[in-house]
Amino acid sequence: MKITMVKKVFADGSPCKKCGEVEEKMRAAGQLQRIDRVVIADEANDQSEGMLLAAEHNIDRAPFFIVERDGQQTEIYTVYFRFVKEVLDSETSEEEEIAEIMNDNDLDFL
């Protein structure tokens, strides 16, 4: 399995707040080592690898995760807790999942 995390950098060079929050949650939970690649979607460069991946997979928010398993269709996750539960096989609380879904407006759009 290969996991790519795509996070955003704004045109002014500042990092995406939600991306930083998700990355910090992953660091605290010891999950970052499970990520094979971190790719930047640079708002100032529509040809950056992250922007191209977002376009290829029709994703308009960050962060998102691309999960590739041998012989299976690529999966895209835009909800961190769903990704953690389904891919990393970690426990999440229903409250955390609902809070993230409700805060969907907080996600940064690409």
PDB file of N, CA and C in Angstrom:
ATOM      1  N   MET A   1       0.842  -1.174   0.000  1.00  0.00           N
ATOM      2  CA  MET A   1       0.000   0.000   0.000  1.00  0.00           C
ATOM      3  C   MET A   1       0.887   1.237   0.000  1.00  0.00           C
ATOM      4  N   LYS A   2       0.485   2.216  -0.780  1.00  0.00           N
ATOM      5  CA  LYS A   2       1.198   3.492  -0.852  1.00  0.00           C
ATOM      6  C   LYS A   2       0.215   4.602  -0.509  1.00  0.00           C
ATOM      7  N   ILE A   3       0.591   5.467   0.448  1.00  0.00           N
ATOM      8  CA  ILE A   3      -0.278   6.558   0.874  1.00  0.00           C
ATOM      9  C   ILE A   3       0.408   7.882   0.599  1.00  0.00           C
ATOM     10  N   THR A   4      -0.312   8.758  -0.094  1.00  0.00           N
ATOM     11  CA  THR A   4       0.165  10.106  -0.375  1.00  0.00           C
ATOM     12  C   THR A   4      -0.770  11.102   0.302  1.00  0.00           C
ATOM     13  N   MET A   5      -0.198  12.010   1.053  1.00  0.00           N
ATOM     14  CA  MET A   5      -0.966  13.095   1.657  1.00  0.00           C
ATOM     15  C   MET A   5      -0.724  14.339   0.829  1.00  0.00           C
ATOM     16  N   VAL A   6      -1.800  15.005   0.436  1.00  0.00           N
ATOM     17  CA  VAL A   6      -1.679  16.244  -0.326  1.00  0.00           C
ATOM     18  C   VAL A   6      -2.158  17.376   0.566  1.00  0.00           C
ATOM     19  N   LYS A   7      -1.262  18.328   0.803  1.00  0.00           N
ATOM     20  CA  LYS A   7      -1.629  19.484   1.599  1.00  0.00           C
ATOM     21  C   LYS A   7      -1.371  20.754   0.805  1.00  0.00           C
ATOM     22  N   LYS A   8      -1.993  21.816   1.222  1.00  0.00           N
ATOM     23  CA  LYS A   8      -2.026  23.049   0.441  1.00  0.00           C
ATOM     24  C   LYS A   8      -1.151  24.136   1.033  1.00  0.00           C
ATOM     25  N   VAL A   9      -0.586  24.937   0.121  1.00  0.00           N
ATOM     26  CA  VAL A   9       0.099  26.167   0.483  1.00  0.00           C
ATOM     27  C   VAL A   9      -0.586  27.271  -0.310  1.00  0.00           C
ATOM     28  N   PHE A  10      -0.980  28.338   0.390  1.00  0.00           N
ATOM     29  CA  PHE A  10      -1.658  29.447  -0.274  1.00  0.00           C
ATOM     30  C   PHE A  10      -0.709  30.218  -1.184  1.00  0.00           C
ATOM     31  N   ALA A  11      -1.272  31.015  -2.075  1.00  0.00           N
ATOM     32  CA  ALA A  11      -0.491  31.784  -3.040  1.00  0.00           C
ATOM     33  C   ALA A  11       0.522  32.703  -2.351  1.00  0.00           C
ATOM     34  N   ASP A  12       0.203  33.167  -1.147  1.00  0.00           N
ATOM     35  CA  ASP A  12       1.134  34.042  -0.420  1.00  0.00           C
ATOM     36  C   ASP A  12       2.216  33.267   0.330  1.00  0.00           C
ATOM     37  N   GLY A  13       2.190  31.926   0.198  1.00  0.00           N
ATOM     38  CA  GLY A  13       3.198  31.082   0.833  1.00  0.00           C
ATOM     39  C   GLY A  13       2.811  30.570   2.208  1.00  0.00           C
ATOM     40  N   SER A  14       1.676  31.014   2.727  1.00  0.00           N
ATOM     41  CA  SER A  14       1.263  30.554   4.052  1.00  0.00           C
ATOM     42  C   SER A  14       0.635  29.163   3.959  1.00  0.00           C
ATOM     43  N   PRO A  15       0.813  28.362   5.020  1.00  0.00           N
ATOM     44  CA  PRO A  15       0.283  26.992   4.994  1.00  0.00           C
ATOM     45  C   PRO A  15      -1.218  26.961   5.266  1.00  0.00           C
ATOM     46  N   CYS A  16      -1.844  25.948   4.784  1.00  0.00           N
ATOM     47  CA  CYS A  16      -3.261  25.683   5.014  1.00  0.00           C
ATOM     48  C   CYS A  16      -3.454  25.324   6.487  1.00  0.00           C
ATOM     49  N   LYS A  17      -4.349  26.020   7.164  1.00  0.00           N
ATOM     50  CA  LYS A  17      -4.584  25.788   8.592  1.00  0.00           C
ATOM     51  C   LYS A  17      -5.083  24.363   8.856  1.00  0.00           C
ATOM     52  N   LYS A  18      -6.074  23.924   8.097  1.00  0.00           N
ATOM     53  CA  LYS A  18      -6.647  22.586   8.301  1.00  0.00           C
ATOM     54  C   LYS A  18      -5.585  21.508   8.048  1.00  0.00           C
ATOM     55  N   CYS A  19      -4.747  21.717   7.034  1.00  0.00           N
ATOM     56  CA  CYS A  19      -3.674  20.755   6.736  1.00  0.00           C
ATOM     57  C   CYS A  19      -2.731  20.625   7.928  1.00  0.00           C
ATOM     58  N   GLY A  20      -2.386  21.759   8.530  1.00  0.00           N
ATOM     59  CA  GLY A  20      -1.516  21.751   9.694  1.00  0.00           C
ATOM     60  C   GLY A  20      -2.149  21.040  10.876  1.00  0.00           C
ATOM     61  N   GLU A  21      -3.458  21.264  11.070  1.00  0.00           N
ATOM     62  CA  GLU A  21      -4.170  20.607  12.167  1.00  0.00           C
ATOM     63  C   GLU A  21      -4.186  19.090  11.981  1.00  0.00           C
ATOM     64  N   VAL A  22      -4.467  18.653  10.759  1.00  0.00           N
ATOM     65  CA  VAL A  22      -4.498  17.218  10.475  1.00  0.00           C
ATOM     66  C   VAL A  22      -3.105  16.616  10.652  1.00  0.00           C
ATOM     67  N   GLU A  23      -2.096  17.298  10.146  1.00  0.00           N
ATOM     68  CA  GLU A  23      -0.728  16.802  10.285  1.00  0.00           C
ATOM     69  C   GLU A  23      -0.338  16.687  11.757  1.00  0.00           C
ATOM     70  N   GLU A  24      -0.737  17.652  12.580  1.00  0.00           N
ATOM     71  CA  GLU A  24      -0.418  17.603  14.000  1.00  0.00           C
ATOM     72  C   GLU A  24      -1.146  16.442  14.688  1.00  0.00           C
ATOM     73  N   LYS A  25      -2.413  16.200  14.328  1.00  0.00           N
ATOM     74  CA  LYS A  25      -3.142  15.054  14.878  1.00  0.00           C
ATOM     75  C   LYS A  25      -2.438  13.749  14.523  1.00  0.00           C
ATOM     76  N   MET A  26      -1.969  13.662  13.285  1.00  0.00           N
ATOM     77  CA  MET A  26      -1.276  12.453  12.839  1.00  0.00           C
ATOM     78  C   MET A  26       0.044  12.277  13.577  1.00  0.00           C
ATOM     79  N   ARG A  27       0.750  13.377  13.772  1.00  0.00           N
ATOM     80  CA  ARG A  27       2.031  13.320  14.498  1.00  0.00           C
ATOM     81  C   ARG A  27       1.790  12.840  15.929  1.00  0.00           C
ATOM     82  N   ALA A  28       0.794  13.420  16.597  1.00  0.00           N
ATOM     83  CA  ALA A  28       0.484  13.066  17.980  1.00  0.00           C
ATOM     84  C   ALA A  28       0.060  11.603  18.111  1.00  0.00           C
ATOM     85  N   ALA A  29      -0.606  11.086  17.082  1.00  0.00           N
ATOM     86  CA  ALA A  29      -1.079   9.696  17.110  1.00  0.00           C
ATOM     87  C   ALA A  29      -0.049   8.712  16.556  1.00  0.00           C
ATOM     88  N   GLY A  30       1.115   9.212  16.142  1.00  0.00           N
ATOM     89  CA  GLY A  30       2.143   8.331  15.592  1.00  0.00           C
ATOM     90  C   GLY A  30       1.790   7.785  14.217  1.00  0.00           C
ATOM     91  N   GLN A  31       0.980   8.505  13.462  1.00  0.00           N
ATOM     92  CA  GLN A  31       0.517   8.023  12.156  1.00  0.00           C
ATOM     93  C   GLN A  31       1.331   8.545  10.974  1.00  0.00           C
ATOM     94  N   LEU A  32       2.126   9.582  11.180  1.00  0.00           N
ATOM     95  CA  LEU A  32       2.856  10.173  10.051  1.00  0.00           C
ATOM     96  C   LEU A  32       3.808   9.194   9.382  1.00  0.00           C
ATOM     97  N   GLN A  33       4.366   8.274  10.142  1.00  0.00           N
ATOM     98  CA  GLN A  33       5.294   7.310   9.541  1.00  0.00           C
ATOM     99  C   GLN A  33       4.592   6.369   8.567  1.00  0.00           C
ATOM    100  N   ARG A  34       3.272   6.329   8.589  1.00  0.00           N
ATOM    101  CA  ARG A  34       2.516   5.485   7.654  1.00  0.00           C
ATOM    102  C   ARG A  34       2.320   6.175   6.305  1.00  0.00           C
ATOM    103  N   ILE A  35       2.631   7.473   6.244  1.00  0.00           N
ATOM    104  CA  ILE A  35       2.486   8.240   5.010  1.00  0.00           C
ATOM    105  C   ILE A  35       3.775   8.093   4.198  1.00  0.00           C
ATOM    106  N   ASP A  36       3.625   7.638   2.947  1.00  0.00           N
ATOM    107  CA  ASP A  36       4.800   7.439   2.093  1.00  0.00           C
ATOM    108  C   ASP A  36       5.307   8.736   1.477  1.00  0.00           C
ATOM    109  N   ARG A  37       4.381   9.602   1.116  1.00  0.00           N
ATOM    110  CA  ARG A  37       4.760  10.871   0.476  1.00  0.00           C
ATOM    111  C   ARG A  37       3.839  11.980   0.944  1.00  0.00           C
ATOM    112  N   VAL A  38       4.406  13.174   1.087  1.00  0.00           N
ATOM    113  CA  VAL A  38       3.622  14.377   1.327  1.00  0.00           C
ATOM    114  C   VAL A  38       3.877  15.286   0.138  1.00  0.00           C
ATOM    115  N   VAL A  39       2.796  15.681  -0.512  1.00  0.00           N
ATOM    116  CA  VAL A  39       2.874  16.489  -1.726  1.00  0.00           C
ATOM    117  C   VAL A  39       2.182  17.814  -1.459  1.00  0.00           C
ATOM    118  N   ILE A  40       2.748  18.878  -1.992  1.00  0.00           N
ATOM    119  CA  ILE A  40       2.197  20.217  -1.804  1.00  0.00           C
ATOM    120  C   ILE A  40       1.363  20.628  -3.012  1.00  0.00           C
ATOM    121  N   ALA A  41       0.162  21.113  -2.720  1.00  0.00           N
ATOM    122  CA  ALA A  41      -0.685  21.743  -3.731  1.00  0.00           C
ATOM    123  C   ALA A  41      -0.453  23.244  -3.563  1.00  0.00           C
ATOM    124  N   ASP A  42       0.368  23.808  -4.424  1.00  0.00           N
ATOM    125  CA  ASP A  42       0.760  25.213  -4.337  1.00  0.00           C
ATOM    126  C   ASP A  42      -0.218  26.065  -5.131  1.00  0.00           C
ATOM    127  N   GLU A  43      -0.985  26.858  -4.422  1.00  0.00           N
ATOM    128  CA  GLU A  43      -2.006  27.694  -5.037  1.00  0.00           C
ATOM    129  C   GLU A  43      -1.410  28.657  -6.069  1.00  0.00           C
ATOM    130  N   ALA A  44      -0.148  29.016  -5.891  1.00  0.00           N
ATOM    131  CA  ALA A  44       0.515  29.941  -6.808  1.00  0.00           C
ATOM    132  C   ALA A  44       1.025  29.245  -8.067  1.00  0.00           C
ATOM    133  N   ASN A  45       0.958  27.919  -8.090  1.00  0.00           N
ATOM    134  CA  ASN A  45       1.476  27.162  -9.231  1.00  0.00           C
ATOM    135  C   ASN A  45       0.517  26.037  -9.570  1.00  0.00           C
ATOM    136  N   ASP A  46      -0.344  26.276 -10.545  1.00  0.00           N
ATOM    137  CA  ASP A  46      -1.341  25.261 -10.890  1.00  0.00           C
ATOM    138  C   ASP A  46      -0.726  24.021 -11.521  1.00  0.00           C
ATOM    139  N   GLN A  47       0.586  24.051 -11.770  1.00  0.00           N
ATOM    140  CA  GLN A  47       1.291  22.881 -12.280  1.00  0.00           C
ATOM    141  C   GLN A  47       2.068  22.144 -11.191  1.00  0.00           C
ATOM    142  N   SER A  48       1.903  22.592  -9.928  1.00  0.00           N
ATOM    143  CA  SER A  48       2.560  21.872  -8.826  1.00  0.00           C
ATOM    144  C   SER A  48       1.961  20.477  -8.741  1.00  0.00           C
ATOM    145  N   GLU A  49       2.740  19.544  -8.234  1.00  0.00           N
ATOM    146  CA  GLU A  49       2.289  18.154  -8.205  1.00  0.00           C
ATOM    147  C   GLU A  49       0.957  17.996  -7.469  1.00  0.00           C
ATOM    148  N   GLY A  50       0.806  18.681  -6.354  1.00  0.00           N
ATOM    149  CA  GLY A  50      -0.435  18.575  -5.587  1.00  0.00           C
ATOM    150  C   GLY A  50      -1.640  19.110  -6.335  1.00  0.00           C
ATOM    151  N   MET A  51      -1.468  20.210  -7.051  1.00  0.00           N
ATOM    152  CA  MET A  51      -2.574  20.773  -7.837  1.00  0.00           C
ATOM    153  C   MET A  51      -2.937  19.833  -8.982  1.00  0.00           C
ATOM    154  N   LEU A  52      -1.931  19.216  -9.592  1.00  0.00           N
ATOM    155  CA  LEU A  52      -2.192  18.264 -10.677  1.00  0.00           C
ATOM    156  C   LEU A  52      -2.919  17.023 -10.152  1.00  0.00           C
ATOM    157  N   LEU A  53      -2.510  16.546  -8.976  1.00  0.00           N
ATOM    158  CA  LEU A  53      -3.194  15.385  -8.380  1.00  0.00           C
ATOM    159  C   LEU A  53      -4.636  15.734  -8.018  1.00  0.00           C
ATOM    160  N   ALA A  54      -4.844  16.941  -7.510  1.00  0.00           N
ATOM    161  CA  ALA A  54      -6.208  17.365  -7.173  1.00  0.00           C
ATOM    162  C   ALA A  54      -7.074  17.399  -8.428  1.00  0.00           C
ATOM    163  N   ALA A  55      -6.535  17.926  -9.505  1.00  0.00           N
ATOM    164  CA  ALA A  55      -7.289  17.982 -10.766  1.00  0.00           C
ATOM    165  C   ALA A  55      -7.548  16.576 -11.300  1.00  0.00           C
ATOM    166  N   GLU A  56      -6.529  15.726 -11.258  1.00  0.00           N
ATOM    167  CA  GLU A  56      -6.665  14.352 -11.760  1.00  0.00           C
ATOM    168  C   GLU A  56      -7.768  13.588 -11.034  1.00  0.00           C
ATOM    169  N   HIS A  57      -7.879  13.811  -9.727  1.00  0.00           N
ATOM    170  CA  HIS A  57      -8.848  13.073  -8.920  1.00  0.00           C
ATOM    171  C   HIS A  57     -10.112  13.887  -8.623  1.00  0.00           C
ATOM    172  N   ASN A  58     -10.210  15.069  -9.254  1.00  0.00           N
ATOM    173  CA  ASN A  58     -11.393  15.926  -9.108  1.00  0.00           C
ATOM    174  C   ASN A  58     -11.656  16.290  -7.644  1.00  0.00           C
ATOM    175  N   ILE A  59     -10.606  16.696  -6.940  1.00  0.00           N
ATOM    176  CA  ILE A  59     -10.689  17.077  -5.533  1.00  0.00           C
ATOM    177  C   ILE A  59     -10.511  18.587  -5.438  1.00  0.00           C
ATOM    178  N   ASP A  60     -11.351  19.222  -4.642  1.00  0.00           N
ATOM    179  CA  ASP A  60     -11.274  20.674  -4.530  1.00  0.00           C
ATOM    180  C   ASP A  60     -11.030  21.155  -3.105  1.00  0.00           C
ATOM    181  N   ARG A  61     -10.507  20.281  -2.235  1.00  0.00           N
ATOM    182  CA  ARG A  61     -10.230  20.675  -0.862  1.00  0.00           C
ATOM    183  C   ARG A  61      -8.960  19.988  -0.369  1.00  0.00           C
ATOM    184  N   ALA A  62      -8.407  20.548   0.673  1.00  0.00           N
ATOM    185  CA  ALA A  62      -7.191  19.991   1.245  1.00  0.00           C
ATOM    186  C   ALA A  62      -7.340  19.964   2.763  1.00  0.00           C
ATOM    187  N   PRO A  63      -6.675  19.035   3.414  1.00  0.00           N
ATOM    188  CA  PRO A  63      -5.823  17.998   2.846  1.00  0.00           C
ATOM    189  C   PRO A  63      -6.657  16.834   2.323  1.00  0.00           C
ATOM    190  N   PHE A  64      -6.008  16.011   1.502  1.00  0.00           N
ATOM    191  CA  PHE A  64      -6.631  14.761   1.097  1.00  0.00           C
ATOM    192  C   PHE A  64      -5.561  13.693   0.987  1.00  0.00           C
ATOM    193  N   PHE A  65      -6.020  12.442   0.990  1.00  0.00           N
ATOM    194  CA  PHE A  65      -5.114  11.301   0.986  1.00  0.00           C
ATOM    195  C   PHE A  65      -5.423  10.418  -0.211  1.00  0.00           C
ATOM    196  N   ILE A  66      -4.367   9.983  -0.889  1.00  0.00           N
ATOM    197  CA  ILE A  66      -4.487   9.060  -2.015  1.00  0.00           C
ATOM    198  C   ILE A  66      -3.934   7.722  -1.544  1.00  0.00           C
ATOM    199  N   VAL A  67      -4.762   6.687  -1.622  1.00  0.00           N
ATOM    200  CA  VAL A  67      -4.362   5.360  -1.153  1.00  0.00           C
ATOM    201  C   VAL A  67      -4.339   4.420  -2.351  1.00  0.00           C
ATOM    202  N   GLU A  68      -3.159   3.864  -2.614  1.00  0.00           N
ATOM    203  CA  GLU A  68      -2.974   2.938  -3.730  1.00  0.00           C
ATOM    204  C   GLU A  68      -2.603   1.568  -3.173  1.00  0.00           C
ATOM    205  N   ARG A  69      -3.420   0.581  -3.532  1.00  0.00           N
ATOM    206  CA  ARG A  69      -3.153  -0.800  -3.137  1.00  0.00           C
ATOM    207  C   ARG A  69      -2.980  -1.620  -4.403  1.00  0.00           C
ATOM    208  N   ASP A  70      -2.048  -2.563  -4.377  1.00  0.00           N
ATOM    209  CA  ASP A  70      -1.799  -3.407  -5.540  1.00  0.00           C
ATOM    210  C   ASP A  70      -3.080  -4.075  -6.020  1.00  0.00           C
ATOM    211  N   GLY A  71      -3.346  -3.945  -7.300  1.00  0.00           N
ATOM    212  CA  GLY A  71      -4.474  -4.625  -7.908  1.00  0.00           C
ATOM    213  C   GLY A  71      -5.835  -4.050  -7.561  1.00  0.00           C
ATOM    214  N   GLN A  72      -5.874  -2.905  -6.900  1.00  0.00           N
ATOM    215  CA  GLN A  72      -7.148  -2.302  -6.526  1.00  0.00           C
ATOM    216  C   GLN A  72      -7.233  -0.883  -7.054  1.00  0.00           C
ATOM    217  N   GLN A  73      -8.454  -0.396  -7.132  1.00  0.00           N
ATOM    218  CA  GLN A  73      -8.680   0.965  -7.591  1.00  0.00           C
ATOM    219  C   GLN A  73      -8.155   1.943  -6.540  1.00  0.00           C
ATOM    220  N   THR A  74      -7.561   3.039  -6.981  1.00  0.00           N
ATOM    221  CA  THR A  74      -7.074   4.075  -6.086  1.00  0.00           C
ATOM    222  C   THR A  74      -8.238   4.662  -5.295  1.00  0.00           C
ATOM    223  N   GLU A  75      -8.011   4.875  -4.007  1.00  0.00           N
ATOM    224  CA  GLU A  75      -9.031   5.465  -3.144  1.00  0.00           C
ATOM    225  C   GLU A  75      -8.585   6.857  -2.707  1.00  0.00           C
ATOM    226  N   ILE A  76      -9.538   7.765  -2.645  1.00  0.00           N
ATOM    227  CA  ILE A  76      -9.273   9.133  -2.223  1.00  0.00           C
ATOM    228  C   ILE A  76     -10.076   9.411  -0.963  1.00  0.00           C
ATOM    229  N   TYR A  77      -9.411   9.987   0.037  1.00  0.00           N
ATOM    230  CA  TYR A  77     -10.065  10.339   1.297  1.00  0.00           C
ATOM    231  C   TYR A  77      -9.892  11.830   1.538  1.00  0.00           C
ATOM    232  N   THR A  78     -11.007  12.525   1.750  1.00  0.00           N
ATOM    233  CA  THR A  78     -10.964  13.945   2.082  1.00  0.00           C
ATOM    234  C   THR A  78     -11.352  14.195   3.534  1.00  0.00           C
ATOM    235  N   VAL A  79     -11.785  13.153   4.229  1.00  0.00           N
ATOM    236  CA  VAL A  79     -12.135  13.253   5.645  1.00  0.00           C
ATOM    237  C   VAL A  79     -11.099  12.464   6.441  1.00  0.00           C
ATOM    238  N   TYR A  80     -10.337  13.187   7.247  1.00  0.00           N
ATOM    239  CA  TYR A  80      -9.232  12.595   7.997  1.00  0.00           C
ATOM    240  C   TYR A  80      -9.673  11.400   8.844  1.00  0.00           C
ATOM    241  N   PHE A  81     -10.734  11.549   9.642  1.00  0.00           N
ATOM    242  CA  PHE A  81     -11.122  10.468  10.540  1.00  0.00           C
ATOM    243  C   PHE A  81     -11.591   9.232   9.787  1.00  0.00           C
ATOM    244  N   ARG A  82     -12.212   9.422   8.662  1.00  0.00           N
ATOM    245  CA  ARG A  82     -12.604   8.267   7.832  1.00  0.00           C
ATOM    246  C   ARG A  82     -11.353   7.563   7.307  1.00  0.00           C
ATOM    247  N   PHE A  83     -10.378   8.346   6.875  1.00  0.00           N
ATOM    248  CA  PHE A  83      -9.097   7.802   6.412  1.00  0.00           C
ATOM    249  C   PHE A  83      -8.423   7.000   7.524  1.00  0.00           C
ATOM    250  N   VAL A  84      -8.376   7.566   8.709  1.00  0.00           N
ATOM    251  CA  VAL A  84      -7.737   6.897   9.851  1.00  0.00           C
ATOM    252  C   VAL A  84      -8.434   5.579  10.154  1.00  0.00           C
ATOM    253  N   LYS A  85      -9.744   5.603  10.163  1.00  0.00           N
ATOM    254  CA  LYS A  85     -10.524   4.419  10.511  1.00  0.00           C
ATOM    255  C   LYS A  85     -10.418   3.333   9.442  1.00  0.00           C
ATOM    256  N   GLU A  86     -10.568   3.712   8.173  1.00  0.00           N
ATOM    257  CA  GLU A  86     -10.631   2.725   7.094  1.00  0.00           C
ATOM    258  C   GLU A  86      -9.271   2.289   6.557  1.00  0.00           C
ATOM    259  N   VAL A  87      -8.284   3.158   6.642  1.00  0.00           N
ATOM    260  CA  VAL A  87      -6.975   2.833   6.058  1.00  0.00           C
ATOM    261  C   VAL A  87      -5.947   2.496   7.132  1.00  0.00           C
ATOM    262  N   LEU A  88      -5.872   3.308   8.154  1.00  0.00           N
ATOM    263  CA  LEU A  88      -4.865   3.088   9.195  1.00  0.00           C
ATOM    264  C   LEU A  88      -5.369   2.167  10.295  1.00  0.00           C
ATOM    265  N   ASP A  89      -6.633   1.751  10.204  1.00  0.00           N
ATOM    266  CA  ASP A  89      -7.233   0.841  11.172  1.00  0.00           C
ATOM    267  C   ASP A  89      -7.081   1.331  12.607  1.00  0.00           C
ATOM    268  N   SER A  90      -7.214   2.637  12.783  1.00  0.00           N
ATOM    269  CA  SER A  90      -7.150   3.217  14.122  1.00  0.00           C
ATOM    270  C   SER A  90      -8.550   3.579  14.579  1.00  0.00           C
ATOM    271  N   GLU A  91      -8.722   3.617  15.862  1.00  0.00           N
ATOM    272  CA  GLU A  91     -10.019   3.969  16.439  1.00  0.00           C
ATOM    273  C   GLU A  91     -10.212   5.480  16.410  1.00  0.00           C
ATOM    274  N   THR A  92     -11.418   5.879  16.101  1.00  0.00           N
ATOM    275  CA  THR A  92     -11.807   7.279  16.203  1.00  0.00           C
ATOM    276  C   THR A  92     -13.145   7.307  16.908  1.00  0.00           C
ATOM    277  N   SER A  93     -13.415   8.425  17.544  1.00  0.00           N
ATOM    278  CA  SER A  93     -14.713   8.529  18.216  1.00  0.00           C
ATOM    279  C   SER A  93     -15.740   9.087  17.242  1.00  0.00           C
ATOM    280  N   GLU A  94     -16.962   8.719  17.458  1.00  0.00           N
ATOM    281  CA  GLU A  94     -18.046   9.219  16.605  1.00  0.00           C
ATOM    282  C   GLU A  94     -18.126  10.738  16.693  1.00  0.00           C
ATOM    283  N   GLU A  95     -17.863  11.283  17.887  1.00  0.00           N
ATOM    284  CA  GLU A  95     -17.905  12.731  18.073  1.00  0.00           C
ATOM    285  C   GLU A  95     -16.854  13.416  17.207  1.00  0.00           C
ATOM    286  N   GLU A  96     -15.647  12.837  17.141  1.00  0.00           N
ATOM    287  CA  GLU A  96     -14.587  13.412  16.314  1.00  0.00           C
ATOM    288  C   GLU A  96     -14.967  13.375  14.839  1.00  0.00           C
ATOM    289  N   GLU A  97     -15.525  12.274  14.407  1.00  0.00           N
ATOM    290  CA  GLU A  97     -15.934  12.141  13.009  1.00  0.00           C
ATOM    291  C   GLU A  97     -17.017  13.148  12.652  1.00  0.00           C
ATOM    292  N   ILE A  98     -18.009  13.274  13.507  1.00  0.00           N
ATOM    293  CA  ILE A  98     -19.102  14.216  13.255  1.00  0.00           C
ATOM    294  C   ILE A  98     -18.572  15.650  13.252  1.00  0.00           C
ATOM    295  N   ALA A  99     -17.697  15.960  14.198  1.00  0.00           N
ATOM    296  CA  ALA A  99     -17.139  17.313  14.265  1.00  0.00           C
ATOM    297  C   ALA A  99     -16.389  17.654  12.983  1.00  0.00           C
ATOM    298  N   GLU A 100     -15.631  16.697  12.455  1.00  0.00           N
ATOM    299  CA  GLU A 100     -14.893  16.984  11.226  1.00  0.00           C
ATOM    300  C   GLU A 100     -15.837  17.173  10.051  1.00  0.00           C
ATOM    301  N   ILE A 101     -16.841  16.347   9.958  1.00  0.00           N
ATOM    302  CA  ILE A 101     -17.806  16.483   8.866  1.00  0.00           C
ATOM    303  C   ILE A 101     -18.553  17.808   8.985  1.00  0.00           C
ATOM    304  N   MET A 102     -18.943  18.185  10.198  1.00  0.00           N
ATOM    305  CA  MET A 102     -19.652  19.447  10.409  1.00  0.00           C
ATOM    306  C   MET A 102     -18.760  20.642  10.114  1.00  0.00           C
ATOM    307  N   ASN A 103     -17.465  20.492  10.331  1.00  0.00           N
ATOM    308  CA  ASN A 103     -16.525  21.570  10.064  1.00  0.00           C
ATOM    309  C   ASN A 103     -16.023  21.533   8.631  1.00  0.00           C
ATOM    310  N   ASP A 104     -16.727  20.826   7.789  1.00  0.00           N
ATOM    311  CA  ASP A 104     -16.325  20.701   6.381  1.00  0.00           C
ATOM    312  C   ASP A 104     -16.078  22.067   5.753  1.00  0.00           C
ATOM    313  N   ASN A 105     -16.807  23.058   6.205  1.00  0.00           N
ATOM    314  CA  ASN A 105     -16.615  24.412   5.674  1.00  0.00           C
ATOM    315  C   ASN A 105     -15.257  24.966   6.040  1.00  0.00           C
ATOM    316  N   ASP A 106     -14.619  24.357   7.025  1.00  0.00           N
ATOM    317  CA  ASP A 106     -13.313  24.788   7.484  1.00  0.00           C
ATOM    318  C   ASP A 106     -12.186  24.291   6.568  1.00  0.00           C
ATOM    319  N   LEU A 107     -12.507  23.351   5.696  1.00  0.00           N
ATOM    320  CA  LEU A 107     -11.488  22.810   4.801  1.00  0.00           C
ATOM    321  C   LEU A 107     -11.095  23.872   3.781  1.00  0.00           C
ATOM    322  N   ASP A 108      -9.853  23.849   3.405  1.00  0.00           N
ATOM    323  CA  ASP A 108      -9.367  24.800   2.407  1.00  0.00           C
ATOM    324  C   ASP A 108      -9.581  24.223   1.021  1.00  0.00           C
ATOM    325  N   PHE A 109     -10.230  25.002   0.193  1.00  0.00           N
ATOM    326  CA  PHE A 109     -10.491  24.569  -1.160  1.00  0.00           C
ATOM    327  C   PHE A 109      -9.298  24.897  -2.041  1.00  0.00           C
ATOM    328  N   LEU A 110      -9.011  23.996  -2.971  1.00  0.00           N
ATOM    329  CA  LEU A 110      -7.880  24.163  -3.878  1.00  0.00           C
ATOM    330  C   LEU A 110      -8.253  25.081  -5.015  1.00  0.00           C
TER     331      LEU A 110
END
